[in-house]
Protein backbone atom coordinates (compact mmCIF):
# COMPACT_ATOMS: atom_id res chain seq x y z
CA MET A 1 110.49 215.51 199.49
CA ASN A 2 109.44 213.46 196.49
CA ARG A 3 108.37 215.33 193.65
CA PRO A 4 104.58 215.15 193.00
CA GLU A 5 103.06 213.03 190.03
CA VAL A 6 102.38 215.16 187.09
CA ASN A 7 98.64 214.21 187.29
CA ASP A 8 98.80 215.93 190.91
CA LEU A 9 100.19 219.23 189.87
CA THR A 10 97.72 222.09 190.35
CA ALA A 11 97.19 224.47 187.38
CA VAL A 12 98.97 227.10 188.61
CA GLU A 13 101.97 224.85 188.86
CA LEU A 14 101.52 223.37 185.50
CA LEU A 15 101.24 226.89 183.80
CA ALA A 16 104.43 227.83 185.82
CA ALA A 17 106.25 224.60 184.54
CA TYR A 18 105.09 225.45 180.99
CA ARG A 19 106.74 228.95 181.18
CA ALA A 20 109.92 227.60 182.69
CA LYS A 21 109.91 224.73 179.85
CA THR A 22 110.35 222.29 182.48
CA LEU A 23 107.25 220.50 181.54
CA SER A 24 105.09 220.33 177.93
CA PRO A 25 101.55 220.04 177.61
CA VAL A 26 102.00 216.92 175.59
CA GLU A 27 103.96 215.29 178.38
CA VAL A 28 101.50 216.09 180.93
CA THR A 29 98.38 215.21 178.80
CA ARG A 30 100.06 211.93 178.30
CA ALA A 31 100.59 211.15 181.73
CA VAL A 32 97.07 212.37 182.91
CA ILE A 33 95.66 210.04 180.26
CA ALA A 34 97.80 207.14 181.53
CA HIS A 35 96.58 207.77 185.26
CA ILE A 36 93.04 207.98 184.08
CA GLU A 37 93.45 204.51 182.56
CA ARG A 38 94.63 203.06 185.63
CA TRP A 39 91.78 204.57 187.77
CA GLU A 40 88.83 204.74 185.64
CA PRO A 41 87.59 201.19 185.41
CA GLN A 42 86.98 201.57 189.17
CA LEU A 43 85.41 204.99 189.33
CA HIS A 44 83.41 205.51 186.05
CA ALA A 45 83.70 209.24 186.25
CA LEU A 46 84.08 209.95 182.55
CA TYR A 47 81.66 209.97 179.51
CA ALA A 48 83.11 210.60 176.06
CA PHE A 49 86.83 210.19 176.88
CA ASP A 50 88.86 210.99 173.92
CA PRO A 51 92.72 210.74 174.42
CA GLU A 52 93.52 211.22 170.77
CA SER A 53 91.67 214.48 170.78
CA ALA A 54 93.30 215.50 174.18
CA LEU A 55 96.61 214.88 172.60
CA ALA A 56 96.14 216.94 169.38
CA GLN A 57 94.87 219.98 171.67
CA ALA A 58 97.99 219.25 173.77
CA ARG A 59 100.04 219.54 170.57
CA ALA A 60 98.38 222.67 169.43
CA SER A 61 99.00 224.26 172.92
CA GLU A 62 102.40 223.31 172.69
CA ALA A 63 102.97 225.05 169.37
CA ARG A 64 101.48 228.16 170.97
CA TRP A 65 104.04 227.88 174.13
CA LEU A 66 106.97 227.75 171.68
CA ARG A 67 105.91 230.67 169.57
CA GLY A 68 105.29 232.56 172.71
CA ASP A 69 101.58 233.28 172.30
CA ALA A 70 100.30 230.92 175.11
CA LEU A 71 96.65 231.50 176.24
CA ALA A 72 95.46 231.82 179.73
CA LEU A 73 94.88 228.25 180.43
CA ASP A 74 96.92 226.87 177.66
CA GLY A 75 97.73 223.08 177.91
CA VAL A 76 95.99 222.63 181.27
CA PRO A 77 93.90 219.30 181.56
CA LEU A 78 90.02 219.88 181.86
CA THR A 79 86.98 218.04 182.24
CA LEU A 80 83.32 219.47 181.88
CA LYS A 81 80.28 217.94 183.30
CA GLU A 82 78.27 216.33 180.61
CA ASN A 83 75.40 218.76 180.79
CA ILE A 84 77.75 221.41 179.71
CA ALA A 85 77.19 221.28 175.97
CA THR A 86 80.41 220.54 173.87
CA GLN A 87 80.02 220.85 170.05
CA GLY A 88 79.80 217.63 168.23
CA THR A 89 79.26 215.45 171.39
CA PRO A 90 75.77 214.02 172.38
CA MET A 91 74.31 215.10 175.83
CA PRO A 92 72.34 212.56 177.35
CA LEU A 93 71.77 214.37 180.57
CA GLY A 94 72.55 211.33 182.47
CA THR A 95 69.53 209.19 181.64
CA ALA A 96 68.93 206.41 179.03
CA ALA A 97 65.79 208.19 177.92
CA THR A 98 67.67 210.82 175.79
CA LEU A 99 67.88 210.46 171.95
CA LEU A 100 71.57 211.09 171.52
CA ALA A 101 72.46 213.66 168.83
CA PRO A 102 75.56 215.52 168.53
CA MET A 103 75.42 219.27 170.11
CA LEU A 104 75.54 222.12 167.79
CA GLU A 105 77.30 224.53 169.68
CA GLY A 106 79.31 224.50 173.14
CA ALA A 107 77.62 226.05 176.07
CA PRO A 108 79.37 229.30 177.38
CA PRO A 109 81.53 227.55 179.95
CA ALA A 110 82.99 225.18 177.40
CA ALA A 111 83.36 228.16 174.91
CA ARG A 112 85.40 229.98 177.62
CA MET A 113 87.80 227.10 178.39
CA LYS A 114 88.26 226.31 174.85
CA GLU A 115 89.15 229.96 174.07
CA ALA A 116 91.73 229.81 177.16
CA GLY A 117 93.60 226.94 175.59
CA ALA A 118 92.58 224.26 178.15
CA VAL A 119 92.93 220.58 177.10
CA LEU A 120 89.47 218.83 177.23
CA LEU A 121 90.07 215.30 178.12
CA ALA A 122 86.36 214.22 178.69
CA LYS A 123 83.01 215.09 179.87
CA THR A 124 81.88 213.62 183.37
CA THR A 125 79.07 211.54 184.61
CA MET A 126 75.88 212.70 186.23
CA PRO A 127 72.47 211.10 187.47
CA ASP A 128 69.33 211.37 185.47
CA TYR A 129 68.56 215.00 184.42
CA GLY A 130 70.91 216.16 187.46
CA MET A 131 68.11 215.54 189.80
CA LEU A 132 70.00 213.43 192.24
CA SER A 133 72.99 213.98 194.85
CA SER A 134 74.44 210.75 193.57
CA GLY A 135 76.57 209.04 191.00
CA LEU A 136 73.55 206.84 190.09
CA SER A 137 72.65 206.89 186.46
CA SER A 138 70.52 205.09 183.73
CA PHE A 139 72.69 206.06 181.24
CA HIS A 140 76.15 206.05 182.84
CA PRO A 141 77.86 203.20 184.75
CA LEU A 142 77.67 203.67 188.67
CA THR A 143 80.36 206.44 189.54
CA ARG A 144 82.15 205.77 192.75
CA ASN A 145 84.00 207.81 195.51
CA PRO A 146 87.67 207.73 195.28
CA TRP A 147 88.23 207.72 198.85
CA ASP A 148 86.16 204.59 199.30
CA LEU A 149 84.90 202.63 196.36
CA THR A 150 81.82 201.50 198.56
CA LYS A 151 80.77 205.09 198.82
CA ASN A 152 78.96 207.39 196.63
CA PRO A 153 80.60 210.59 195.24
CA GLY A 154 77.49 212.60 195.53
CA GLY A 155 75.98 214.74 192.60
CA SER A 156 74.78 215.83 190.48
CA SER A 157 78.45 216.80 189.36
CA ALA A 158 79.46 213.15 190.22
CA GLY A 159 81.91 212.36 187.84
CA ALA A 160 83.62 215.81 188.39
CA ALA A 161 84.19 215.41 191.99
CA ALA A 162 85.37 211.98 191.64
CA ALA A 163 87.94 213.05 188.74
CA ALA A 164 88.99 216.09 190.73
CA ALA A 165 89.89 213.93 193.76
CA ALA A 166 91.35 210.91 191.77
CA GLY A 167 93.80 213.25 190.03
CA TYR A 168 92.20 213.28 186.33
CA GLY A 169 94.20 216.58 185.86
CA PRO A 170 93.48 219.92 187.96
CA LEU A 171 90.50 221.81 186.36
CA HIS A 172 86.97 220.68 186.33
CA ALA A 173 83.49 222.28 185.88
CA GLY A 174 80.19 221.20 187.13
CA THR A 175 76.60 222.61 187.85
CA ASP A 176 74.68 223.34 190.56
CA ILE A 177 70.92 224.23 191.31
CA GLY A 178 70.37 222.88 194.79
CA GLY A 179 74.10 221.78 195.97
CA SER A 180 75.08 219.69 193.01
CA LEU A 181 78.72 221.51 193.03
CA ARG A 182 79.20 221.74 196.66
CA LEU A 183 77.80 218.47 197.96
CA PRO A 184 79.93 216.01 195.81
CA ALA A 185 82.91 218.29 196.56
CA GLY A 186 82.24 217.82 200.37
CA TRP A 187 81.98 214.14 200.06
CA CYS A 188 85.09 214.00 197.77
CA GLY A 189 87.17 216.28 199.67
CA ILE A 190 87.70 218.87 196.79
CA PHE A 191 87.17 222.64 196.54
CA SER A 192 84.25 224.04 194.70
CA LEU A 193 82.68 227.59 194.44
CA LYS A 194 78.97 228.06 193.54
CA PRO A 195 79.11 231.41 192.16
CA SER A 196 76.51 234.20 192.48
CA LEU A 197 73.82 233.62 189.77
CA GLY A 198 74.79 235.16 186.56
CA ARG A 199 78.30 235.29 187.40
CA VAL A 200 79.52 232.71 185.00
CA PRO A 201 77.19 232.53 182.01
CA ILE A 202 75.44 229.44 181.17
CA LYS A 203 72.99 227.91 178.85
CA PRO A 204 70.10 226.79 179.53
CA ALA A 205 69.85 229.22 182.25
CA TYR A 206 66.84 229.01 184.95
CA THR A 207 66.06 229.70 188.55
CA GLY A 208 69.22 228.78 190.70
CA ARG A 209 71.37 227.14 188.05
CA VAL A 210 74.97 228.07 188.10
CA ALA A 211 78.23 226.48 186.88
CA GLY A 212 81.46 226.64 188.68
CA PRO A 213 84.78 224.98 189.35
CA MET A 214 85.64 222.06 191.06
CA THR A 215 89.45 221.75 191.95
CA ARG A 216 91.78 220.74 194.67
CA THR A 217 92.81 224.01 195.62
CA VAL A 218 91.21 227.23 196.03
CA ARG A 219 93.72 228.88 193.80
CA ASP A 220 93.11 226.85 190.89
CA ALA A 221 89.30 227.65 191.33
CA ALA A 222 90.06 231.33 191.30
CA LEU A 223 92.23 230.93 188.16
CA MET A 224 89.04 229.10 186.46
CA MET A 225 86.84 231.79 187.51
CA ALA A 226 88.81 234.36 185.69
CA THR A 227 87.88 232.56 182.56
CA LEU A 228 84.39 231.16 183.18
CA SER A 229 83.23 234.73 184.23
CA ARG A 230 83.90 236.33 181.09
CA PRO A 231 80.62 237.59 179.20
CA ASP A 232 78.48 235.63 176.83
CA ALA A 233 75.17 237.20 175.45
CA ARG A 234 73.46 233.64 175.36
CA ASP A 235 72.82 233.84 178.94
CA PRO A 236 69.92 236.42 179.61
CA THR A 237 70.61 236.27 183.24
CA SER A 238 74.60 237.01 183.15
CA LEU A 239 75.75 239.83 185.08
CA PRO A 240 77.49 242.60 183.47
CA PRO A 241 81.19 242.46 182.86
CA GLN A 242 83.14 243.18 185.85
CA THR A 243 87.24 243.39 186.51
CA ILE A 244 87.75 241.20 189.53
CA ALA A 245 91.21 240.43 190.83
CA TRP A 246 90.42 236.75 190.99
CA MET A 247 94.10 235.81 192.09
CA HIS A 248 94.06 238.37 194.77
CA LEU A 249 93.32 235.80 197.42
CA ASP A 250 95.18 237.05 200.47
CA ARG A 251 92.63 238.79 202.93
CA PRO A 252 92.77 239.45 206.70
CA VAL A 253 90.29 237.49 208.59
CA LYS A 254 90.70 239.59 211.85
CA GLY A 255 87.47 241.73 212.36
CA LEU A 256 85.15 239.78 210.27
CA LYS A 257 81.70 239.18 211.48
CA LEU A 258 80.97 235.35 210.71
CA ALA A 259 77.70 233.25 211.42
CA LEU A 260 77.68 229.63 212.48
CA LEU A 261 74.71 227.91 211.16
CA MET A 262 74.46 224.19 212.63
CA ASP A 263 70.71 223.62 212.41
CA ALA A 264 69.26 224.27 208.90
CA GLY A 265 65.61 224.09 210.40
CA TRP A 266 64.35 221.10 208.42
CA GLY A 267 66.14 218.08 207.13
CA MET A 268 68.40 215.40 208.35
CA ALA A 269 70.24 215.96 211.96
CA VAL A 270 73.92 216.83 211.46
CA GLU A 271 75.96 213.88 212.66
CA PRO A 272 78.48 214.53 215.48
CA GLU A 273 81.51 214.07 213.60
CA THR A 274 80.54 216.53 211.11
CA ALA A 275 79.01 218.94 213.50
CA ALA A 276 82.78 218.52 215.32
CA ALA A 277 84.77 219.33 212.06
CA VAL A 278 82.50 222.36 211.17
CA GLN A 279 82.88 223.89 214.84
CA ALA A 280 86.61 223.35 214.79
CA ALA A 281 86.78 225.16 211.51
CA ALA A 282 84.88 228.05 213.00
CA LEU A 283 87.07 228.13 216.03
CA LEU A 284 90.23 228.52 213.64
CA PHE A 285 88.53 231.58 212.22
CA GLU A 286 87.90 232.84 215.78
CA GLN A 287 91.33 232.23 216.79
CA ALA A 288 92.40 234.24 213.67
CA GLY A 289 90.58 237.42 214.78
CA ALA A 290 86.83 236.91 213.50
CA HIS A 291 83.76 237.06 215.61
CA VAL A 292 81.83 234.16 215.25
CA GLU A 293 78.24 234.00 216.26
CA LEU A 294 75.54 231.07 215.98
CA LEU A 295 73.02 231.84 213.43
CA GLN A 296 69.50 230.54 214.23
CA PRO A 297 67.70 228.65 211.27
CA PHE A 298 65.98 230.79 208.74
CA ALA A 299 64.63 228.29 206.39
CA THR A 300 61.31 225.92 207.10
CA ARG A 301 59.80 222.79 206.17
CA GLN A 302 57.05 224.60 204.43
CA MET A 303 59.58 226.40 202.16
CA MET A 304 61.47 223.00 201.11
CA ASP A 305 58.22 221.14 200.54
CA GLY A 306 57.25 223.89 198.07
CA LEU A 307 60.42 223.49 196.13
CA ASP A 308 60.00 219.86 196.16
CA ARG A 309 56.60 220.15 194.68
CA PHE A 310 57.63 222.67 192.25
CA TRP A 311 60.65 220.58 191.04
CA ARG A 312 58.35 217.44 190.84
CA MET A 313 56.01 219.20 188.44
CA ARG A 314 58.88 220.84 186.55
CA SER A 315 60.46 217.21 185.95
CA TRP A 316 56.91 215.52 185.32
CA LEU A 317 56.26 218.02 182.45
CA ASP A 318 59.59 216.90 180.97
CA ILE A 319 59.29 213.19 181.37
CA GLY A 320 55.70 212.85 181.10
CA ALA A 321 55.87 214.15 177.72
CA LEU A 322 58.23 211.25 176.63
CA PRO A 323 56.54 208.19 174.93
CA PRO A 324 55.99 205.53 177.32
CA GLU A 325 58.90 203.36 175.99
CA ARG A 326 61.36 206.26 176.84
CA GLN A 327 59.85 207.14 180.17
CA ALA A 328 60.37 203.59 181.11
CA LEU A 329 64.16 203.83 180.72
CA VAL A 330 64.26 206.84 183.14
CA LEU A 331 65.88 205.70 186.78
CA PRO A 332 63.06 204.03 188.97
CA TYR A 333 63.72 206.43 191.76
CA ILE A 334 63.31 209.43 189.66
CA ARG A 335 60.12 208.10 188.17
CA ALA A 336 58.90 207.39 191.64
CA TRP A 337 59.89 211.02 192.83
CA VAL A 338 58.01 213.05 189.72
CA ALA A 339 55.03 210.81 189.92
CA ARG A 340 53.25 212.98 192.47
CA GLY A 341 53.85 215.80 189.83
CA ALA A 342 51.27 214.57 187.91
CA GLN A 343 48.68 215.16 190.66
CA LEU A 344 49.29 218.66 191.52
CA THR A 345 46.86 221.29 190.68
CA ALA A 346 47.51 224.76 189.40
CA THR A 347 46.77 226.35 192.86
CA GLU A 348 49.08 223.84 194.53
CA LEU A 349 51.74 224.58 192.05
CA PHE A 350 51.48 228.58 192.48
CA HIS A 351 51.83 228.27 196.12
CA ALA A 352 54.68 225.72 195.58
CA HIS A 353 56.52 228.26 193.38
CA SER A 354 55.89 230.91 196.03
CA GLN A 355 58.17 229.42 198.41
CA ILE A 356 61.24 230.17 195.96
CA ALA A 357 60.76 233.61 196.79
CA ALA A 358 60.12 232.87 200.69
CA LEU A 359 63.36 230.88 200.77
CA ARG A 360 65.30 233.68 199.12
CA ASP A 361 63.94 236.46 201.34
CA ALA A 362 64.71 234.39 204.46
CA ALA A 363 68.05 233.58 203.49
CA LEU A 364 69.16 237.28 202.44
CA ALA A 365 67.84 238.60 205.57
CA ALA A 366 69.57 235.96 207.89
CA CYS A 367 72.93 236.84 206.09
CA GLU A 368 72.48 240.42 205.80
CA PRO A 369 74.19 240.98 209.31
CA PHE A 370 77.28 238.75 208.89
CA ASP A 371 80.22 238.96 206.25
CA TYR A 372 80.01 235.31 205.75
CA VAL A 373 78.18 232.31 207.20
CA LEU A 374 79.86 228.88 207.72
CA SER A 375 77.88 225.55 207.97
CA PRO A 376 78.12 221.93 207.06
CA VAL A 377 77.64 221.34 203.49
CA SER A 378 75.97 218.20 204.11
CA PRO A 379 74.74 216.76 207.30
CA VAL A 380 76.32 213.38 206.84
CA PRO A 381 79.16 211.95 204.96
CA ALA A 382 79.49 209.88 201.90
CA PHE A 383 76.62 207.09 201.67
CA ALA A 384 76.23 203.75 199.86
CA ALA A 385 77.57 204.03 196.16
CA GLU A 386 74.40 202.40 195.04
CA TRP A 387 71.78 204.53 196.78
CA ALA A 388 70.20 207.57 194.89
CA SER A 389 70.37 209.67 197.91
CA PRO A 390 71.69 209.52 201.82
CA LEU A 391 68.25 208.24 202.73
CA ASN A 392 67.45 206.56 199.36
CA ASP A 393 63.90 207.26 199.67
CA PRO A 394 61.99 209.32 196.49
CA GLN A 395 59.34 210.60 198.88
CA ARG A 396 62.26 212.34 201.06
CA PRO A 397 64.58 213.23 198.58
CA PHE A 398 66.08 216.58 199.70
CA GLU A 399 66.62 216.00 203.44
CA HIS A 400 70.62 216.33 202.81
CA ILE A 401 70.48 219.70 201.01
CA ALA A 402 69.03 221.87 203.68
CA PHE A 403 72.56 223.82 204.04
CA THR A 404 73.15 224.14 200.27
CA VAL A 405 69.79 224.85 198.43
CA PRO A 406 69.15 228.23 200.20
CA TYR A 407 71.94 229.72 198.82
CA ASN A 408 70.76 228.80 194.86
CA MET A 409 67.35 230.43 195.55
CA SER A 410 68.97 233.46 196.97
CA GLU A 411 71.40 233.84 194.41
CA GLN A 412 74.08 233.93 196.98
CA THR A 413 77.95 232.83 196.23
CA ALA A 414 78.88 229.70 198.37
CA ALA A 415 81.88 227.13 198.74
CA SER A 416 82.74 223.78 199.85
CA ILE A 417 86.26 223.10 201.43
CA ASN A 418 87.30 220.15 203.17
CA CYS A 419 87.32 220.32 207.01
CA GLY A 420 88.17 217.11 208.22
CA TYR A 421 87.69 213.26 207.99
CA THR A 422 85.56 210.78 209.42
CA ALA A 423 87.50 208.47 212.29
CA ALA A 424 86.39 205.04 211.27
CA ASP A 425 86.44 205.53 207.35
CA GLY A 426 88.54 208.64 206.44
CA LEU A 427 85.81 209.76 204.57
CA PRO A 428 86.11 213.69 203.71
CA ILE A 429 83.68 216.48 205.72
CA GLY A 430 82.70 219.54 203.87
CA LEU A 431 82.64 223.19 205.32
CA GLN A 432 80.53 225.49 203.41
CA ILE A 433 81.15 229.38 203.39
CA ALA A 434 78.64 231.53 201.95
CA GLY A 435 78.63 235.07 201.19
CA LYS A 436 76.52 237.84 200.04
CA ARG A 437 75.44 238.17 196.39
CA PHE A 438 78.05 239.08 194.06
CA ASP A 439 81.09 238.55 196.79
CA ASP A 440 82.42 235.55 194.93
CA LEU A 441 86.00 236.81 195.45
CA GLY A 442 85.50 237.58 199.30
CA VAL A 443 84.31 233.68 199.58
CA LEU A 444 87.46 232.58 197.58
CA GLN A 445 89.47 234.74 199.98
CA MET A 446 87.86 233.31 203.00
CA ALA A 447 88.32 229.69 201.77
CA ALA A 448 92.12 230.69 200.80
CA ALA A 449 92.40 231.76 204.47
CA TYR A 450 90.89 228.65 205.74
CA GLU A 451 93.21 226.61 203.47
CA GLN A 452 96.03 228.02 205.11
CA MET A 453 94.66 227.59 208.61
CA ARG A 454 93.39 224.03 208.31
CA ALA A 455 95.44 221.04 209.46
CA PRO A 456 97.40 219.02 206.69
CA GLN A 457 95.51 217.17 204.42
CA ARG A 458 95.54 213.60 203.98
CA PRO A 459 97.16 212.06 200.63
CA TRP A 460 94.86 211.97 197.79
CA PRO A 461 93.31 208.71 197.09
CA GLY A 462 94.97 206.55 194.23
CA PRO A 463 93.94 203.42 192.25
CA LYS A 464 93.45 200.30 194.52
CA SER A 465 95.10 198.27 191.87
CA ASP A 466 95.82 198.37 188.27
CA CYS A 467 93.09 197.11 186.21
């Protein structure tokens, strides 16, 4: 068997190699930078790429390894989504309307990863204000899907998903408020965990917003969670510190009660290939001894219309406060979407906001009888690179998030893991595994079990040609 390229090694493998002195952080960082320089002109996944800073961090890491005082993730290459603040780097929020200024401090996920010795290579791209499941942005160049450059990586953690699939090192962190970790993970064939609300401290914190790992393997995501979940008082929604054996991923499937949700109750219909891949995954769990039962839809169009109106108003308040010349810089799709927010009455907004609680209650009640819920991540595979969403219609912006957004509102944990590929294009298909609130380790264990059961994966994509 050929030895894997350095940039394809997992974080677990890199740490083992550092301990064995068969690789060094500097050697690995140089190899990943060289790989990025071949790939990045085609993908446009990165923002604030700083090879010199990365090499300086790698040299400091190498010195710690030589002294015998290495940190938890010492020398492992990392990217962070650009809305996870890092000290000294401007945060454009994906939009040309932002006035750029260096951030004064790093957000909790950035601080934890820095404390653990990870080597920050770059920030990763996102769409305007993170309000698209797309790599389309008015600030960043168009981010593309490594599996097919004519396709979209999804979003809003667009660059992070593309970078993980392309082998820009093993560790990537993104954020999620309606599917922004899981959707691009599903469309790019990687793994991602949306933790329970508060499990990973974040700033700013608000309803449904979480940060989480985006990796090629479940084990690397668990490794990241051991660091990301450490406490930070700056997040008022964070959970109390808890000792969790993040790397204990072995768990029998036999006897578990699983639900299979194939109809979300609203939104786009699940395409046949996606349905077949998810149903095949459920069958593997069943063959391993789990009991699988079909779950009826629990979300409604009324719930999603309420969320849509609430988010339009929230975004309109931000964008509408900008001077006209800066409003004009926002992506036209986003401007068209928020325009309705300016017309909402207080009564309409109150009723819209109440649907967050309605969706939360419905999701928790539907999931309560089951250990875990299986479903598609997205009803469709990756779409055209230039589109803002699978329908590319600002008046129907959320039809593809019907399977993901309930678990943000209910504060439950959910993961995306690849479960197949489309026949014609070889595009990845994502399986979502959702668990009860706070059962983040359990969802990782279920994903690890499926990772072992599923068919061998296709080789990761590489640069189509040197640029």
